[in-house]
């Protein structure tokens, strides 16, 4: 079918979208060509690529079909005949997961788990962070969270043959022993919000001066910066962990460390907004940087809430940091609500929380920039 003419191809696309027979729609999803025909003429390559792109879009649309068999056929076609890296855009990947990882149909959910783990995750050598990078967690947080939960559940149960999860069973069927071990070890390996520092390397001062500052850790340290995909994955890991105390200790280390990291990201965002060259920065680049920093801060705040703040010293330290952040007029508006909710969680009694809020309002009123009309923050 790779050489079908335009009329036949258009007829197949019409059948896939409009035929009343679910069997016919499923059959078209299975046979539509998704790769260029071998030996095609160079002059026709662009036209054939467009045709193949339209075929892929048609298959993706069938994931929303009313019939389960058609949805299965579409997901099988995407798993076996569509390249995750080369043939799918970011929006298409997100659309597939959004429509597939739903509870409306257990079979469709299981087939999407099969696609996610045996094709997409495998293409990244089972690295969940690399997979999330291709889904853009800043813009697609809900879908990335669902995908992260699936990956963690599959990795935790894939070696338990008694597990009744249909999606895990499908993944297990496609992977051999070494691949199962690699998946489990790579997905579940210990990660932290503060990665180990990069070993010092030789080089001239000029080399160091030319290093991209965005790749450095907070405060210019040699530790790599926390990425958005890593932050979301670790936050989900904190949320779903059965043994929260051990998991959170591995990920967060301690509340003061998390608070220092949070302060560092907020400081970077404020410094960026106050930079005298801010107006010269490309608008899209500025928005992307601000979105990334806001996203990282929100993930860190959520992790702090997941830690339950049971230890008195950590709880008080966290409340102090939240109060300090909320008392700064320069704190980005996108973070205020999350900080207030996190601070409320850290208080045992509502009266104590209201007292802290009153103290924050007093701090804000005492701020010179609040009273000065010419102040930057005003």
Foldseek 3Di string as FASTA:
>chain_A
DLPDDPVVLVVLLCCLVPPPDLVSVLVSLQPPAQDHDPPDDPVCVVVSNVSNLVSLVSLLVQCQPPDPSSVLSSLVCCQPHNAPPPRDALVSVLSSLVSQCDPPDLSSNLSSLLSCVVHQCVVVQLALLVSVVRNPCLVRVVSNLSSLVSLQVLLVCLVPVVDPRSSSVSNNVRDDPVSSVSNNCNSPPQDAQFDDFDDDDDDDPVVVVPDDQQQADQPRGRTGHRFLSNLSSLLSCCVPPPPNQVSLCRHYVALVSLLVRLVSLQVVLLCCVPPPCNVVDDPVVNVVSNSGSLSSNLSSLSSLVSSLQPDPVSLVVLLVSLLVLLLDLSGDPSCVVSSLVSNCSSDPDPVVSVVSVVVSVVSNVPDPLNVDPPRPSD
